[in-house]
Amino acid sequence: TFGGTTTVNTTTLPLSRPGLRWLVAGLSAGLLAASLMGAASPARAQSTDSGDTLRTISVSGTGIVNAVPDVADVNLGVFEQAEEAAAASQKAAASMDAVVQTLLGMGIDEKDIQTTSINLNARYDWNTEPAQIVGWEARNMVNVTVRDIEAVGDVVDAVVEAGANEINGISFRVEDPSEAKAIARSAAVEDAE
């Protein structure tokens, strides 16, 4: 409470124990300090009751910029099967090596070929009880960044010929969207104004 009066109801207790005497003294000092601080700051109480309220208007704007993609990401891989786990893994590794060499030969930078997953799983014959392992399958997936949009079709054709038997998707994007974002922000500010 600021600028008001503080009333404290206390119960009188015998002060025969020293610990209780210190507790009562500390409580009294704290209450006295709180009363003095409240009385010394009437300006705060007046400022909240003066009716001066800060009023604001919030607006929002939208800016949309269309940009032509200059990079494509191709997710591709190899899937191989064999009776033994090691054989399946080796076949997948050899197939992926051929795919990577093809990509490098087409001018794709090594840093633009990123492995996304390598899996080795057993194949089961579910018609037996219990189910028996009848072979193994290995999958190796990579994400390839193609910086020449016009070459995406040629890249896909070449890797399929080299042994890639899974193409999981091609996505297009703008590699450096900072300029488009700046234009969109300016348009959004103008729209808000």
Protein backbone atom coordinates (compact mmCIF):
# COMPACT_ATOMS: atom_id res chain seq x y z
CA THR A 1 0.00 0.00 0.00
CA PHE A 2 1.45 3.39 -0.96
CA GLY A 3 0.43 6.56 0.89
CA GLY A 4 -2.02 4.74 3.15
CA THR A 5 -2.03 3.59 6.73
CA THR A 6 -0.90 0.16 7.81
CA THR A 7 -2.67 -1.46 10.72
CA VAL A 8 -1.05 -4.43 12.40
CA ASN A 9 -2.86 -6.61 14.91
CA THR A 10 -0.45 -8.30 17.28
CA THR A 11 -0.90 -10.80 20.05
CA THR A 12 1.10 -10.21 23.20
CA LEU A 13 3.18 -13.21 24.21
CA PRO A 14 5.41 -13.61 27.24
CA LEU A 15 9.00 -12.78 26.24
CA SER A 16 10.57 -15.26 28.59
CA ARG A 17 12.33 -17.20 25.83
CA PRO A 18 15.29 -15.34 24.17
CA GLY A 19 14.54 -16.74 20.66
CA LEU A 20 10.98 -15.46 20.76
CA ARG A 21 12.18 -12.02 21.86
CA TRP A 22 14.40 -11.77 18.76
CA LEU A 23 11.55 -12.93 16.52
CA VAL A 24 9.17 -10.28 17.86
CA ALA A 25 11.85 -7.57 17.58
CA GLY A 26 12.59 -8.51 13.95
CA LEU A 27 8.89 -8.59 13.05
CA SER A 28 8.31 -5.16 14.61
CA ALA A 29 11.29 -3.65 12.76
CA GLY A 30 10.09 -5.09 9.46
CA LEU A 31 6.56 -3.73 9.89
CA LEU A 32 7.87 -0.30 10.87
CA ALA A 33 10.12 -0.18 7.78
CA ALA A 34 7.21 -1.20 5.51
CA SER A 35 5.01 1.56 6.98
CA LEU A 36 7.71 4.22 6.50
CA MET A 37 8.39 3.16 2.89
CA GLY A 38 4.70 3.31 2.08
CA ALA A 39 4.31 6.77 3.55
CA ALA A 40 7.43 8.08 1.81
CA SER A 41 6.26 7.33 -1.72
CA PRO A 42 2.91 9.04 -2.36
CA ALA A 43 3.99 10.03 -5.91
CA ARG A 44 3.66 6.44 -7.13
CA ALA A 45 0.14 6.11 -5.85
CA GLN A 46 -0.83 9.39 -7.50
CA SER A 47 0.68 8.44 -10.86
CA THR A 48 -1.38 5.25 -11.09
CA ASP A 49 -4.58 7.07 -10.18
CA SER A 50 -4.03 10.11 -12.43
CA GLY A 51 -5.78 8.57 -15.41
CA ASP A 52 -2.82 9.12 -17.77
CA THR A 53 -2.81 5.89 -19.73
CA LEU A 54 -0.44 5.11 -22.60
CA ARG A 55 -2.58 4.23 -25.60
CA THR A 56 -1.22 2.34 -28.61
CA ILE A 57 -2.38 1.16 -32.01
CA SER A 58 -0.91 -2.08 -33.36
CA VAL A 59 -0.87 -2.77 -37.06
CA SER A 60 0.51 -5.60 -39.13
CA GLY A 61 1.54 -5.80 -42.75
CA THR A 62 2.28 -8.55 -45.23
CA GLY A 63 4.90 -8.59 -47.94
CA ILE A 64 5.16 -11.43 -50.44
CA VAL A 65 8.00 -11.94 -52.88
CA ASN A 66 8.18 -14.71 -55.47
CA ALA A 67 11.70 -15.89 -56.29
CA VAL A 68 12.96 -18.27 -58.95
CA PRO A 69 14.70 -21.32 -57.42
CA ASP A 70 18.37 -21.67 -58.24
CA VAL A 71 19.16 -24.95 -56.43
CA ALA A 72 17.59 -28.42 -56.44
CA ASP A 73 17.93 -31.10 -53.76
CA VAL A 74 17.61 -34.68 -55.00
CA ASN A 75 17.15 -37.48 -52.46
CA LEU A 76 18.29 -40.75 -54.04
CA GLY A 77 19.77 -44.07 -53.09
CA VAL A 78 20.47 -47.73 -53.70
CA PHE A 79 18.64 -50.79 -52.41
CA GLU A 80 20.31 -54.21 -52.57
CA GLN A 81 19.44 -57.71 -51.35
CA ALA A 82 21.58 -60.77 -50.59
CA GLU A 83 21.47 -63.96 -48.53
CA GLU A 84 24.12 -62.71 -46.11
CA ALA A 85 24.21 -59.35 -44.29
CA ALA A 86 27.80 -58.61 -45.32
CA ALA A 87 27.05 -59.34 -48.97
CA ALA A 88 24.00 -57.05 -48.99
CA SER A 89 26.00 -54.27 -47.33
CA GLN A 90 28.90 -54.67 -49.77
CA LYS A 91 26.59 -54.63 -52.80
CA ALA A 92 24.92 -51.42 -51.57
CA ALA A 93 28.30 -49.81 -50.90
CA ALA A 94 29.56 -50.72 -54.38
CA SER A 95 26.38 -49.42 -56.04
CA MET A 96 26.52 -46.17 -54.08
CA ASP A 97 30.20 -45.73 -54.95
CA ALA A 98 29.30 -45.98 -58.65
CA VAL A 99 26.53 -43.39 -58.17
CA VAL A 100 28.85 -40.99 -56.32
CA GLN A 101 31.55 -41.34 -58.97
CA THR A 102 28.95 -40.52 -61.64
CA LEU A 103 27.87 -37.41 -59.71
CA LEU A 104 31.45 -36.23 -59.28
CA GLY A 105 32.05 -36.83 -62.99
CA MET A 106 29.08 -34.53 -63.77
CA GLY A 107 30.67 -31.69 -61.82
CA ILE A 108 28.73 -32.09 -58.56
CA ASP A 109 30.96 -30.96 -55.69
CA GLU A 110 31.74 -33.58 -53.04
CA LYS A 111 30.35 -31.33 -50.29
CA ASP A 112 27.01 -31.33 -52.13
CA ILE A 113 26.65 -35.12 -51.70
CA GLN A 114 25.52 -35.87 -48.14
CA THR A 115 24.64 -39.31 -46.78
CA THR A 116 21.24 -39.20 -45.10
CA SER A 117 20.80 -42.85 -44.04
CA ILE A 118 22.32 -46.33 -44.19
CA ASN A 119 20.12 -49.29 -43.22
CA LEU A 120 20.67 -53.04 -43.03
CA ASN A 121 17.62 -55.20 -42.28
CA ALA A 122 16.84 -58.89 -42.19
CA ARG A 123 14.20 -60.36 -44.52
CA TYR A 124 11.94 -62.96 -42.91
CA ASP A 125 9.81 -65.82 -44.18
CA TRP A 126 6.64 -65.26 -42.18
CA ASN A 127 5.10 -68.56 -43.41
CA THR A 128 7.30 -70.57 -41.03
CA GLU A 129 6.93 -70.93 -37.27
CA PRO A 130 8.99 -69.29 -35.93
CA ALA A 131 9.75 -66.86 -38.77
CA GLN A 132 13.09 -67.57 -40.43
CA ILE A 133 15.63 -65.10 -41.79
CA VAL A 134 15.85 -65.73 -45.53
CA GLY A 135 18.10 -62.85 -46.52
CA TRP A 136 19.22 -59.29 -45.92
CA GLU A 137 18.52 -55.95 -47.54
CA ALA A 138 20.70 -52.87 -47.45
CA ARG A 139 19.72 -49.30 -48.30
CA ASN A 140 22.01 -46.30 -48.67
CA MET A 141 20.46 -42.84 -49.24
CA VAL A 142 22.13 -39.53 -50.10
CA ASN A 143 20.94 -35.98 -50.63
CA VAL A 144 22.48 -34.31 -53.67
CA THR A 145 22.46 -30.53 -54.14
CA VAL A 146 22.34 -29.66 -57.83
CA ARG A 147 23.31 -26.03 -58.40
CA ASP A 148 22.42 -26.02 -62.09
CA ILE A 149 18.63 -26.33 -62.26
CA GLU A 150 18.76 -27.14 -65.97
CA ALA A 151 20.88 -30.24 -65.24
CA VAL A 152 18.51 -31.92 -62.76
CA GLY A 153 16.98 -34.24 -65.36
CA ASP A 154 20.39 -35.27 -66.67
CA VAL A 155 21.62 -35.95 -63.12
CA VAL A 156 18.65 -38.21 -62.36
CA ASP A 157 19.09 -40.13 -65.63
CA ALA A 158 22.83 -40.60 -65.00
CA VAL A 159 22.50 -41.87 -61.43
CA VAL A 160 19.76 -44.33 -62.40
CA GLU A 161 22.04 -45.69 -65.12
CA ALA A 162 24.87 -45.89 -62.55
CA GLY A 163 22.78 -48.04 -60.17
CA ALA A 164 20.53 -45.76 -58.12
CA ASN A 165 17.16 -47.52 -57.83
CA GLU A 166 15.42 -45.14 -55.41
CA ILE A 167 14.56 -41.51 -56.10
CA ASN A 168 12.61 -40.21 -53.12
CA GLY A 169 12.01 -36.67 -54.23
CA ILE A 170 13.31 -33.53 -55.85
CA SER A 171 12.80 -30.18 -54.12
CA PHE A 172 13.66 -26.70 -55.38
CA ARG A 173 14.79 -23.70 -53.34
CA VAL A 174 16.57 -20.36 -53.41
CA GLU A 175 20.05 -20.85 -51.97
CA ASP A 176 20.41 -17.32 -50.55
CA PRO A 177 16.96 -15.91 -49.71
CA SER A 178 18.31 -12.82 -47.87
CA GLU A 179 17.59 -10.36 -50.72
CA ALA A 180 14.05 -11.67 -51.23
CA LYS A 181 13.42 -11.53 -47.47
CA ALA A 182 14.60 -7.90 -47.33
CA ILE A 183 12.24 -6.95 -50.17
CA ALA A 184 9.37 -8.79 -48.46
CA ARG A 185 10.09 -6.98 -45.18
CA SER A 186 10.03 -3.58 -46.90
CA ALA A 187 6.74 -4.47 -48.59
CA ALA A 188 5.31 -5.57 -45.23
CA VAL A 189 6.31 -2.26 -43.58
CA GLU A 190 4.74 -0.31 -46.45
CA ASP A 191 1.59 -2.41 -46.16
CA ALA A 192 1.43 -1.75 -42.42
CA GLU A 193 1.85 2.01 -42.91
